[in-house]
Amino acid sequence: TTLEWMVAENRHPLPNSFTLHQNYPNPFNPITTIRYDLPQEGHVLLTIYDILGREVVQLVNQRMSAGYHTSTWDTKNAFGSSMSGGIYFYQIQTREYTKTNKMVLLK
């Protein structure tokens, strides 16, 4: 019934704000998870940068539904090569929101 559907839909309500969470684990090796919340559908760009601000890899570059999302980084760059240990930045960009966080890769 309609009421049952409404109750089921409200068990996991959509986030009410854009959020880029701290990656975990941090520091990490060889893989880390990045969580982000989208209160509305839209195009999402999730990019990893090195300490000098050079793009390492785009983890997400597509239209995403509203909700709670995760992406993982396996320390590889866009060419499939493993990155060295150090400080990296991950940035989410949507039309309405941009946020950058720091993470540490231990080798």
PDB file of N, CA and C in Angstrom:
ATOM      1  N   THR A   1       0.840  -1.187   0.000  1.00  0.00           N
ATOM      2  CA  THR A   1       0.000   0.000   0.000  1.00  0.00           C
ATOM      3  C   THR A   1       0.884   1.249   0.000  1.00  0.00           C
ATOM      4  N   THR A   2       0.256   2.363  -0.233  1.00  0.00           N
ATOM      5  CA  THR A   2       0.996   3.626  -0.272  1.00  0.00           C
ATOM      6  C   THR A   2       1.626   3.932   1.075  1.00  0.00           C
ATOM      7  N   LEU A   3       0.910   3.677   2.151  1.00  0.00           N
ATOM      8  CA  LEU A   3       1.450   3.955   3.482  1.00  0.00           C
ATOM      9  C   LEU A   3       2.679   3.093   3.763  1.00  0.00           C
ATOM     10  N   GLU A   4       2.621   1.803   3.430  1.00  0.00           N
ATOM     11  CA  GLU A   4       3.783   0.936   3.633  1.00  0.00           C
ATOM     12  C   GLU A   4       4.982   1.423   2.839  1.00  0.00           C
ATOM     13  N   TRP A   5       4.764   1.879   1.612  1.00  0.00           N
ATOM     14  CA  TRP A   5       5.845   2.394   0.779  1.00  0.00           C
ATOM     15  C   TRP A   5       6.462   3.637   1.418  1.00  0.00           C
ATOM     16  N   MET A   6       5.619   4.533   1.925  1.00  0.00           N
ATOM     17  CA  MET A   6       6.126   5.761   2.545  1.00  0.00           C
ATOM     18  C   MET A   6       6.954   5.426   3.788  1.00  0.00           C
ATOM     19  N   VAL A   7       6.506   4.477   4.585  1.00  0.00           N
ATOM     20  CA  VAL A   7       7.240   4.088   5.786  1.00  0.00           C
ATOM     21  C   VAL A   7       8.587   3.480   5.387  1.00  0.00           C
ATOM     22  N   ALA A   8       8.590   2.596   4.388  1.00  0.00           N
ATOM     23  CA  ALA A   8       9.833   1.972   3.929  1.00  0.00           C
ATOM     24  C   ALA A   8      10.803   3.022   3.401  1.00  0.00           C
ATOM     25  N   GLU A   9      10.296   3.996   2.658  1.00  0.00           N
ATOM     26  CA  GLU A   9      11.160   5.037   2.099  1.00  0.00           C
ATOM     27  C   GLU A   9      11.804   5.888   3.190  1.00  0.00           C
ATOM     28  N   ASN A  10      11.110   6.074   4.303  1.00  0.00           N
ATOM     29  CA  ASN A  10      11.614   6.951   5.361  1.00  0.00           C
ATOM     30  C   ASN A  10      12.588   6.269   6.313  1.00  0.00           C
ATOM     31  N   ARG A  11      12.850   4.973   6.140  1.00  0.00           N
ATOM     32  CA  ARG A  11      13.823   4.295   7.000  1.00  0.00           C
ATOM     33  C   ARG A  11      15.228   4.846   6.773  1.00  0.00           C
ATOM     34  N   HIS A  12      15.531   5.206   5.545  1.00  0.00           N
ATOM     35  CA  HIS A  12      16.837   5.767   5.201  1.00  0.00           C
ATOM     36  C   HIS A  12      16.611   7.083   4.477  1.00  0.00           C
ATOM     37  N   PRO A  13      16.250   8.131   5.219  1.00  0.00           N
ATOM     38  CA  PRO A  13      15.960   9.404   4.558  1.00  0.00           C
ATOM     39  C   PRO A  13      17.202   9.933   3.849  1.00  0.00           C
ATOM     40  N   LEU A  14      16.982  10.732   2.855  1.00  0.00           N
ATOM     41  CA  LEU A  14      18.093  11.340   2.129  1.00  0.00           C
ATOM     42  C   LEU A  14      18.833  12.314   3.038  1.00  0.00           C
ATOM     43  N   PRO A  15      20.139  12.467   2.808  1.00  0.00           N
ATOM     44  CA  PRO A  15      20.878  13.458   3.602  1.00  0.00           C
ATOM     45  C   PRO A  15      20.311  14.853   3.353  1.00  0.00           C
ATOM     46  N   ASN A  16      20.401  15.708   4.364  1.00  0.00           N
ATOM     47  CA  ASN A  16      19.876  17.061   4.182  1.00  0.00           C
ATOM     48  C   ASN A  16      20.964  18.067   3.826  1.00  0.00           C
ATOM     49  N   SER A  17      22.210  17.594   3.675  1.00  0.00           N
ATOM     50  CA  SER A  17      23.275  18.496   3.237  1.00  0.00           C
ATOM     51  C   SER A  17      24.363  17.704   2.522  1.00  0.00           C
ATOM     52  N   PHE A  18      25.130  18.408   1.696  1.00  0.00           N
ATOM     53  CA  PHE A  18      26.307  17.811   1.068  1.00  0.00           C
ATOM     54  C   PHE A  18      27.362  17.603   2.148  1.00  0.00           C
ATOM     55  N   THR A  19      27.998  16.451   2.145  1.00  0.00           N
ATOM     56  CA  THR A  19      29.063  16.177   3.111  1.00  0.00           C
ATOM     57  C   THR A  19      30.126  15.316   2.456  1.00  0.00           C
ATOM     58  N   LEU A  20      31.389  15.685   2.666  1.00  0.00           N
ATOM     59  CA  LEU A  20      32.517  14.846   2.298  1.00  0.00           C
ATOM     60  C   LEU A  20      33.152  14.403   3.601  1.00  0.00           C
ATOM     61  N   HIS A  21      33.071  13.110   3.902  1.00  0.00           N
ATOM     62  CA  HIS A  21      33.583  12.587   5.167  1.00  0.00           C
ATOM     63  C   HIS A  21      35.082  12.322   5.071  1.00  0.00           C
ATOM     64  N   GLN A  22      35.725  12.233   6.234  1.00  0.00           N
ATOM     65  CA  GLN A  22      37.139  11.849   6.279  1.00  0.00           C
ATOM     66  C   GLN A  22      37.271  10.414   5.784  1.00  0.00           C
ATOM     67  N   ASN A  23      38.278  10.178   4.967  1.00  0.00           N
ATOM     68  CA  ASN A  23      38.501   8.814   4.469  1.00  0.00           C
ATOM     69  C   ASN A  23      38.854   7.891   5.627  1.00  0.00           C
ATOM     70  N   TYR A  24      38.651   6.608   5.431  1.00  0.00           N
ATOM     71  CA  TYR A  24      39.036   5.628   6.449  1.00  0.00           C
ATOM     72  C   TYR A  24      39.502   4.359   5.767  1.00  0.00           C
ATOM     73  N   PRO A  25      40.497   3.683   6.287  1.00  0.00           N
ATOM     74  CA  PRO A  25      41.321   4.215   7.387  1.00  0.00           C
ATOM     75  C   PRO A  25      42.205   5.360   6.901  1.00  0.00           C
ATOM     76  N   ASN A  26      42.734   6.115   7.817  1.00  0.00           N
ATOM     77  CA  ASN A  26      43.648   7.208   7.509  1.00  0.00           C
ATOM     78  C   ASN A  26      44.588   7.354   8.694  1.00  0.00           C
ATOM     79  N   PRO A  27      45.883   7.134   8.520  1.00  0.00           N
ATOM     80  CA  PRO A  27      46.606   6.750   7.312  1.00  0.00           C
ATOM     81  C   PRO A  27      46.189   5.368   6.822  1.00  0.00           C
ATOM     82  N   PHE A  28      46.533   5.077   5.541  1.00  0.00           N
ATOM     83  CA  PHE A  28      46.094   3.833   4.920  1.00  0.00           C
ATOM     84  C   PHE A  28      47.170   3.237   4.027  1.00  0.00           C
ATOM     85  N   ASN A  29      47.013   1.954   3.765  1.00  0.00           N
ATOM     86  CA  ASN A  29      47.793   1.211   2.790  1.00  0.00           C
ATOM     87  C   ASN A  29      47.212  -0.199   2.767  1.00  0.00           C
ATOM     88  N   PRO A  30      46.758  -0.723   1.695  1.00  0.00           N
ATOM     89  CA  PRO A  30      46.855  -0.201   0.331  1.00  0.00           C
ATOM     90  C   PRO A  30      45.551   0.386  -0.207  1.00  0.00           C
ATOM     91  N   ILE A  31      44.483   0.455   0.614  1.00  0.00           N
ATOM     92  CA  ILE A  31      43.201   0.935   0.099  1.00  0.00           C
ATOM     93  C   ILE A  31      42.502   1.781   1.149  1.00  0.00           C
ATOM     94  N   THR A  32      41.748   2.772   0.682  1.00  0.00           N
ATOM     95  CA  THR A  32      40.980   3.621   1.594  1.00  0.00           C
ATOM     96  C   THR A  32      39.593   3.852   1.007  1.00  0.00           C
ATOM     97  N   THR A  33      38.649   4.157   1.885  1.00  0.00           N
ATOM     98  CA  THR A  33      37.265   4.388   1.490  1.00  0.00           C
ATOM     99  C   THR A  33      36.896   5.838   1.756  1.00  0.00           C
ATOM    100  N   ILE A  34      36.221   6.446   0.795  1.00  0.00           N
ATOM    101  CA  ILE A  34      35.762   7.831   0.902  1.00  0.00           C
ATOM    102  C   ILE A  34      34.244   7.818   0.843  1.00  0.00           C
ATOM    103  N   ARG A  35      33.624   8.392   1.867  1.00  0.00           N
ATOM    104  CA  ARG A  35      32.156   8.481   1.920  1.00  0.00           C
ATOM    105  C   ARG A  35      31.726   9.909   1.641  1.00  0.00           C
ATOM    106  N   TYR A  36      30.611  10.050   0.931  1.00  0.00           N
ATOM    107  CA  TYR A  36      30.058  11.377   0.683  1.00  0.00           C
ATOM    108  C   TYR A  36      28.542  11.294   0.595  1.00  0.00           C
ATOM    109  N   ASP A  37      27.899  12.370   1.024  1.00  0.00           N
ATOM    110  CA  ASP A  37      26.440  12.441   1.075  1.00  0.00           C
ATOM    111  C   ASP A  37      25.957  13.490   0.080  1.00  0.00           C
ATOM    112  N   LEU A  38      24.938  13.131  -0.686  1.00  0.00           N
ATOM    113  CA  LEU A  38      24.354  14.036  -1.677  1.00  0.00           C
ATOM    114  C   LEU A  38      22.869  14.212  -1.383  1.00  0.00           C
ATOM    115  N   PRO A  39      22.428  15.427  -1.043  1.00  0.00           N
ATOM    116  CA  PRO A  39      21.009  15.639  -0.758  1.00  0.00           C
ATOM    117  C   PRO A  39      20.150  15.695  -2.018  1.00  0.00           C
ATOM    118  N   GLN A  40      20.793  15.786  -3.179  1.00  0.00           N
ATOM    119  CA  GLN A  40      20.047  15.821  -4.436  1.00  0.00           C
ATOM    120  C   GLN A  40      20.881  15.186  -5.545  1.00  0.00           C
ATOM    121  N   GLU A  41      20.212  14.757  -6.581  1.00  0.00           N
ATOM    122  CA  GLU A  41      20.876  14.162  -7.734  1.00  0.00           C
ATOM    123  C   GLU A  41      21.686  15.231  -8.465  1.00  0.00           C
ATOM    124  N   GLY A  42      22.808  14.817  -9.033  1.00  0.00           N
ATOM    125  CA  GLY A  42      23.604  15.763  -9.814  1.00  0.00           C
ATOM    126  C   GLY A  42      24.915  15.149 -10.246  1.00  0.00           C
ATOM    127  N   HIS A  43      25.648  15.909 -11.051  1.00  0.00           N
ATOM    128  CA  HIS A  43      26.948  15.449 -11.531  1.00  0.00           C
ATOM    129  C   HIS A  43      27.970  15.579 -10.404  1.00  0.00           C
ATOM    130  N   VAL A  44      28.753  14.515 -10.193  1.00  0.00           N
ATOM    131  CA  VAL A  44      29.750  14.474  -9.116  1.00  0.00           C
ATOM    132  C   VAL A  44      31.118  14.202  -9.726  1.00  0.00           C
ATOM    133  N   LEU A  45      32.087  14.973  -9.284  1.00  0.00           N
ATOM    134  CA  LEU A  45      33.484  14.753  -9.639  1.00  0.00           C
ATOM    135  C   LEU A  45      34.238  14.527  -8.337  1.00  0.00           C
ATOM    136  N   LEU A  46      34.841  13.342  -8.186  1.00  0.00           N
ATOM    137  CA  LEU A  46      35.639  13.014  -7.003  1.00  0.00           C
ATOM    138  C   LEU A  46      37.044  12.719  -7.495  1.00  0.00           C
ATOM    139  N   THR A  47      37.992  13.584  -7.115  1.00  0.00           N
ATOM    140  CA  THR A  47      39.339  13.548  -7.675  1.00  0.00           C
ATOM    141  C   THR A  47      40.378  13.457  -6.570  1.00  0.00           C
ATOM    142  N   ILE A  48      41.440  12.690  -6.831  1.00  0.00           N
ATOM    143  CA  ILE A  48      42.595  12.595  -5.934  1.00  0.00           C
ATOM    144  C   ILE A  48      43.703  13.467  -6.514  1.00  0.00           C
ATOM    145  N   TYR A  49      44.357  14.252  -5.630  1.00  0.00           N
ATOM    146  CA  TYR A  49      45.473  15.108  -6.024  1.00  0.00           C
ATOM    147  C   TYR A  49      46.686  14.791  -5.160  1.00  0.00           C
ATOM    148  N   ASP A  50      47.884  14.987  -5.722  1.00  0.00           N
ATOM    149  CA  ASP A  50      49.096  14.822  -4.926  1.00  0.00           C
ATOM    150  C   ASP A  50      49.383  16.112  -4.150  1.00  0.00           C
ATOM    151  N   ILE A  51      50.462  16.106  -3.374  1.00  0.00           N
ATOM    152  CA  ILE A  51      50.803  17.237  -2.498  1.00  0.00           C
ATOM    153  C   ILE A  51      51.068  18.513  -3.293  1.00  0.00           C
ATOM    154  N   LEU A  52      51.444  18.379  -4.567  1.00  0.00           N
ATOM    155  CA  LEU A  52      51.707  19.548  -5.409  1.00  0.00           C
ATOM    156  C   LEU A  52      50.464  20.024  -6.160  1.00  0.00           C
ATOM    157  N   GLY A  53      49.326  19.354  -5.910  1.00  0.00           N
ATOM    158  CA  GLY A  53      48.081  19.761  -6.550  1.00  0.00           C
ATOM    159  C   GLY A  53      47.867  19.168  -7.928  1.00  0.00           C
ATOM    160  N   ARG A  54      48.709  18.215  -8.309  1.00  0.00           N
ATOM    161  CA  ARG A  54      48.543  17.564  -9.611  1.00  0.00           C
ATOM    162  C   ARG A  54      47.498  16.463  -9.499  1.00  0.00           C
ATOM    163  N   GLU A  55      46.633  16.375 -10.507  1.00  0.00           N
ATOM    164  CA  GLU A  55      45.604  15.336 -10.497  1.00  0.00           C
ATOM    165  C   GLU A  55      46.238  13.962 -10.617  1.00  0.00           C
ATOM    166  N   VAL A  56      45.839  13.052  -9.726  1.00  0.00           N
ATOM    167  CA  VAL A  56      46.316  11.677  -9.736  1.00  0.00           C
ATOM    168  C   VAL A  56      45.323  10.777 -10.473  1.00  0.00           C
ATOM    169  N   VAL A  57      44.059  10.863 -10.081  1.00  0.00           N
ATOM    170  CA  VAL A  57      43.019  10.023 -10.694  1.00  0.00           C
ATOM    171  C   VAL A  57      41.643  10.598 -10.348  1.00  0.00           C
ATOM    172  N   GLN A  58      40.696  10.407 -11.258  1.00  0.00           N
ATOM    173  CA  GLN A  58      39.296  10.732 -10.978  1.00  0.00           C
ATOM    174  C   GLN A  58      38.597   9.441 -10.575  1.00  0.00           C
ATOM    175  N   LEU A  59      38.090   9.414  -9.359  1.00  0.00           N
ATOM    176  CA  LEU A  59      37.372   8.228  -8.882  1.00  0.00           C
ATOM    177  C   LEU A  59      35.931   8.218  -9.367  1.00  0.00           C
ATOM    178  N   VAL A  60      35.327   9.398  -9.454  1.00  0.00           N
ATOM    179  CA  VAL A  60      33.940   9.522  -9.909  1.00  0.00           C
ATOM    180  C   VAL A  60      33.869  10.714 -10.845  1.00  0.00           C
ATOM    181  N   ASN A  61      33.187  10.530 -11.968  1.00  0.00           N
ATOM    182  CA  ASN A  61      32.902  11.628 -12.896  1.00  0.00           C
ATOM    183  C   ASN A  61      31.627  11.252 -13.629  1.00  0.00           C
ATOM    184  N   GLN A  62      30.502  11.401 -12.910  1.00  0.00           N
ATOM    185  CA  GLN A  62      29.212  10.978 -13.471  1.00  0.00           C
ATOM    186  C   GLN A  62      28.065  11.557 -12.666  1.00  0.00           C
ATOM    187  N   ARG A  63      26.877  11.414 -13.227  1.00  0.00           N
ATOM    188  CA  ARG A  63      25.662  11.818 -12.535  1.00  0.00           C
ATOM    189  C   ARG A  63      25.374  10.793 -11.450  1.00  0.00           C
ATOM    190  N   MET A  64      25.097  11.271 -10.248  1.00  0.00           N
ATOM    191  CA  MET A  64      24.849  10.390  -9.102  1.00  0.00           C
ATOM    192  C   MET A  64      23.484  10.731  -8.500  1.00  0.00           C
ATOM    193  N   SER A  65      22.831   9.706  -7.982  1.00  0.00           N
ATOM    194  CA  SER A  65      21.544   9.902  -7.316  1.00  0.00           C
ATOM    195  C   SER A  65      21.769  10.512  -5.930  1.00  0.00           C
ATOM    196  N   ALA A  66      20.735  11.120  -5.397  1.00  0.00           N
ATOM    197  CA  ALA A  66      20.790  11.611  -4.025  1.00  0.00           C
ATOM    198  C   ALA A  66      20.941  10.415  -3.096  1.00  0.00           C
ATOM    199  N   GLY A  67      21.683  10.608  -2.000  1.00  0.00           N
ATOM    200  CA  GLY A  67      21.834   9.531  -1.032  1.00  0.00           C
ATOM    201  C   GLY A  67      23.233   9.479  -0.460  1.00  0.00           C
ATOM    202  N   TYR A  68      23.556   8.330   0.125  1.00  0.00           N
ATOM    203  CA  TYR A  68      24.835   8.099   0.793  1.00  0.00           C
ATOM    204  C   TYR A  68      25.696   7.232  -0.118  1.00  0.00           C
ATOM    205  N   HIS A  69      26.905   7.682  -0.406  1.00  0.00           N
ATOM    206  CA  HIS A  69      27.754   6.990  -1.377  1.00  0.00           C
ATOM    207  C   HIS A  69      29.141   6.724  -0.798  1.00  0.00           C
ATOM    208  N   THR A  70      29.810   5.711  -1.352  1.00  0.00           N
ATOM    209  CA  THR A  70      31.205   5.439  -0.998  1.00  0.00           C
ATOM    210  C   THR A  70      31.989   5.178  -2.272  1.00  0.00           C
ATOM    211  N   SER A  71      33.267   5.504  -2.216  1.00  0.00           N
ATOM    212  CA  SER A  71      34.189   5.216  -3.302  1.00  0.00           C
ATOM    213  C   SER A  71      35.492   4.770  -2.656  1.00  0.00           C
ATOM    214  N   THR A  72      36.226   3.901  -3.329  1.00  0.00           N
ATOM    215  CA  THR A  72      37.500   3.449  -2.772  1.00  0.00           C
ATOM    216  C   THR A  72      38.646   3.861  -3.691  1.00  0.00           C
ATOM    217  N   TRP A  73      39.807   4.067  -3.076  1.00  0.00           N
ATOM    218  CA  TRP A  73      41.020   4.356  -3.836  1.00  0.00           C
ATOM    219  C   TRP A  73      42.063   3.311  -3.467  1.00  0.00           C
ATOM    220  N   ASP A  74      42.607   2.668  -4.491  1.00  0.00           N
ATOM    221  CA  ASP A  74      43.591   1.596  -4.302  1.00  0.00           C
ATOM    222  C   ASP A  74      45.026   2.073  -4.506  1.00  0.00           C
ATOM    223  N   THR A  75      45.270   3.356  -4.370  1.00  0.00           N
ATOM    224  CA  THR A  75      46.581   4.032  -4.474  1.00  0.00           C
ATOM    225  C   THR A  75      47.130   4.059  -5.897  1.00  0.00           C
ATOM    226  N   LYS A  76      46.308   3.702  -6.888  1.00  0.00           N
ATOM    227  CA  LYS A  76      46.783   3.746  -8.275  1.00  0.00           C
ATOM    228  C   LYS A  76      46.383   5.064  -8.942  1.00  0.00           C
ATOM    229  N   ASN A  77      47.234   5.519  -9.856  1.00  0.00           N
ATOM    230  CA  ASN A  77      46.918   6.732 -10.605  1.00  0.00           C
ATOM    231  C   ASN A  77      46.092   6.379 -11.838  1.00  0.00           C
ATOM    232  N   ALA A  78      45.827   7.368 -12.678  1.00  0.00           N
ATOM    233  CA  ALA A  78      44.985   7.174 -13.856  1.00  0.00           C
ATOM    234  C   ALA A  78      45.601   6.188 -14.852  1.00  0.00           C
ATOM    235  N   PHE A  79      46.912   5.946 -14.753  1.00  0.00           N
ATOM    236  CA  PHE A  79      47.597   5.035 -15.671  1.00  0.00           C
ATOM    237  C   PHE A  79      47.784   3.639 -15.069  1.00  0.00           C
ATOM    238  N   GLY A  80      47.264   3.418 -13.841  1.00  0.00           N
ATOM    239  CA  GLY A  80      47.343   2.114 -13.208  1.00  0.00           C
ATOM    240  C   GLY A  80      48.603   1.874 -12.402  1.00  0.00           C
ATOM    241  N   SER A  81      49.434   2.901 -12.243  1.00  0.00           N
ATOM    242  CA  SER A  81      50.663   2.758 -11.455  1.00  0.00           C
ATOM    243  C   SER A  81      50.394   3.096  -9.996  1.00  0.00           C
ATOM    244  N   SER A  82      51.034   2.358  -9.091  1.00  0.00           N
ATOM    245  CA  SER A  82      50.878   2.637  -7.663  1.00  0.00           C
ATOM    246  C   SER A  82      51.605   3.926  -7.293  1.00  0.00           C
ATOM    247  N   MET A  83      50.966   4.708  -6.448  1.00  0.00           N
ATOM    248  CA  MET A  83      51.546   5.974  -5.996  1.00  0.00           C
ATOM    249  C   MET A  83      52.441   5.718  -4.780  1.00  0.00           C
ATOM    250  N   SER A  84      53.404   6.607  -4.591  1.00  0.00           N
ATOM    251  CA  SER A  84      54.303   6.489  -3.442  1.00  0.00           C
ATOM    252  C   SER A  84      53.617   7.027  -2.191  1.00  0.00           C
ATOM    253  N   GLY A  85      54.188   6.684  -1.036  1.00  0.00           N
ATOM    254  CA  GLY A  85      53.641   7.163   0.223  1.00  0.00           C
ATOM    255  C   GLY A  85      53.718   8.681   0.308  1.00  0.00           C
ATOM    256  N   GLY A  86      52.808   9.255   1.075  1.00  0.00           N
ATOM    257  CA  GLY A  86      52.811  10.700   1.264  1.00  0.00           C
ATOM    258  C   GLY A  86      51.419  11.236   1.511  1.00  0.00           C
ATOM    259  N   ILE A  87      51.324  12.550   1.446  1.00  0.00           N
ATOM    260  CA  ILE A  87      50.055  13.247   1.669  1.00  0.00           C
ATOM    261  C   ILE A  87      49.351  13.431   0.335  1.00  0.00           C
ATOM    262  N   TYR A  88      48.062  13.121   0.318  1.00  0.00           N
ATOM    263  CA  TYR A  88      47.222  13.309  -0.862  1.00  0.00           C
ATOM    264  C   TYR A  88      45.960  14.051  -0.438  1.00  0.00           C
ATOM    265  N   PHE A  89      45.315  14.643  -1.411  1.00  0.00           N
ATOM    266  CA  PHE A  89      44.068  15.353  -1.176  1.00  0.00           C
ATOM    267  C   PHE A  89      42.986  14.728  -2.041  1.00  0.00           C
ATOM    268  N   TYR A  90      41.783  14.665  -1.505  1.00  0.00           N
ATOM    269  CA  TYR A  90      40.641  14.227  -2.300  1.00  0.00           C
ATOM    270  C   TYR A  90      39.602  15.320  -2.263  1.00  0.00           C
ATOM    271  N   GLN A  91      39.019  15.592  -3.425  1.00  0.00           N
ATOM    272  CA  GLN A  91      38.088  16.707  -3.569  1.00  0.00           C
ATOM    273  C   GLN A  91      36.817  16.249  -4.264  1.00  0.00           C
ATOM    274  N   ILE A  92      35.690  16.673  -3.709  1.00  0.00           N
ATOM    275  CA  ILE A  92      34.406  16.446  -4.354  1.00  0.00           C
ATOM    276  C   ILE A  92      33.924  17.772  -4.917  1.00  0.00           C
ATOM    277  N   GLN A  93      33.370  17.700  -6.119  1.00  0.00           N
ATOM    278  CA  GLN A  93      32.798  18.889  -6.748  1.00  0.00           C
ATOM    279  C   GLN A  93      31.426  18.532  -7.306  1.00  0.00           C
ATOM    280  N   THR A  94      30.441  19.360  -6.963  1.00  0.00           N
ATOM    281  CA  THR A  94      29.128  19.315  -7.596  1.00  0.00           C
ATOM    282  C   THR A  94      28.825  20.754  -7.989  1.00  0.00           C
ATOM    283  N   ARG A  95      27.692  20.979  -8.584  1.00  0.00           N
ATOM    284  CA  ARG A  95      27.339  22.347  -8.957  1.00  0.00           C
ATOM    285  C   ARG A  95      27.235  23.238  -7.708  1.00  0.00           C
ATOM    286  N   GLU A  96      26.766  22.654  -6.591  1.00  0.00           N
ATOM    287  CA  GLU A  96      26.480  23.435  -5.389  1.00  0.00           C
ATOM    288  C   GLU A  96      27.540  23.326  -4.303  1.00  0.00           C
ATOM    289  N   TYR A  97      28.507  22.426  -4.451  1.00  0.00           N
ATOM    290  CA  TYR A  97      29.367  22.100  -3.303  1.00  0.00           C
ATOM    291  C   TYR A  97      30.745  21.679  -3.782  1.00  0.00           C
ATOM    292  N   THR A  98      31.762  22.204  -3.101  1.00  0.00           N
ATOM    293  CA  THR A  98      33.142  21.750  -3.311  1.00  0.00           C
ATOM    294  C   THR A  98      33.802  21.642  -1.951  1.00  0.00           C
ATOM    295  N   LYS A  99      34.487  20.518  -1.719  1.00  0.00           N
ATOM    296  CA  LYS A  99      35.191  20.324  -0.441  1.00  0.00           C
ATOM    297  C   LYS A  99      36.410  19.450  -0.699  1.00  0.00           C
ATOM    298  N   THR A 100      37.497  19.771   0.005  1.00  0.00           N
ATOM    299  CA  THR A 100      38.741  19.024  -0.120  1.00  0.00           C
ATOM    300  C   THR A 100      39.190  18.561   1.257  1.00  0.00           C
ATOM    301  N   ASN A 101      39.619  17.294   1.349  1.00  0.00           N
ATOM    302  CA  ASN A 101      40.160  16.741   2.583  1.00  0.00           C
ATOM    303  C   ASN A 101      41.536  16.142   2.312  1.00  0.00           C
ATOM    304  N   LYS A 102      42.299  15.978   3.386  1.00  0.00           N
ATOM    305  CA  LYS A 102      43.653  15.432   3.306  1.00  0.00           C
ATOM    306  C   LYS A 102      43.669  13.991   3.776  1.00  0.00           C
ATOM    307  N   MET A 103      44.552  13.174   3.169  1.00  0.00           N
ATOM    308  CA  MET A 103      44.741  11.793   3.611  1.00  0.00           C
ATOM    309  C   MET A 103      46.224  11.430   3.475  1.00  0.00           C
ATOM    310  N   VAL A 104      46.626  10.396   4.209  1.00  0.00           N
ATOM    311  CA  VAL A 104      48.028  10.001   4.241  1.00  0.00           C
ATOM    312  C   VAL A 104      48.147   8.543   3.802  1.00  0.00           C
ATOM    313  N   LEU A 105      48.959   8.324   2.766  1.00  0.00           N
ATOM    314  CA  LEU A 105      49.270   6.986   2.279  1.00  0.00           C
ATOM    315  C   LEU A 105      50.611   6.576   2.856  1.00  0.00           C
ATOM    316  N   LEU A 106      50.618   5.493   3.646  1.00  0.00           N
ATOM    317  CA  LEU A 106      51.861   4.960   4.218  1.00  0.00           C
ATOM    318  C   LEU A 106      52.364   3.815   3.355  1.00  0.00           C
ATOM    319  N   LYS A 107      53.632   3.835   3.042  1.00  0.00           N
ATOM    320  CA  LYS A 107      54.231   2.736   2.248  1.00  0.00           C
ATOM    321  C   LYS A 107      55.351   2.122   3.050  1.00  0.00           C
TER     322      LYS A 107
END
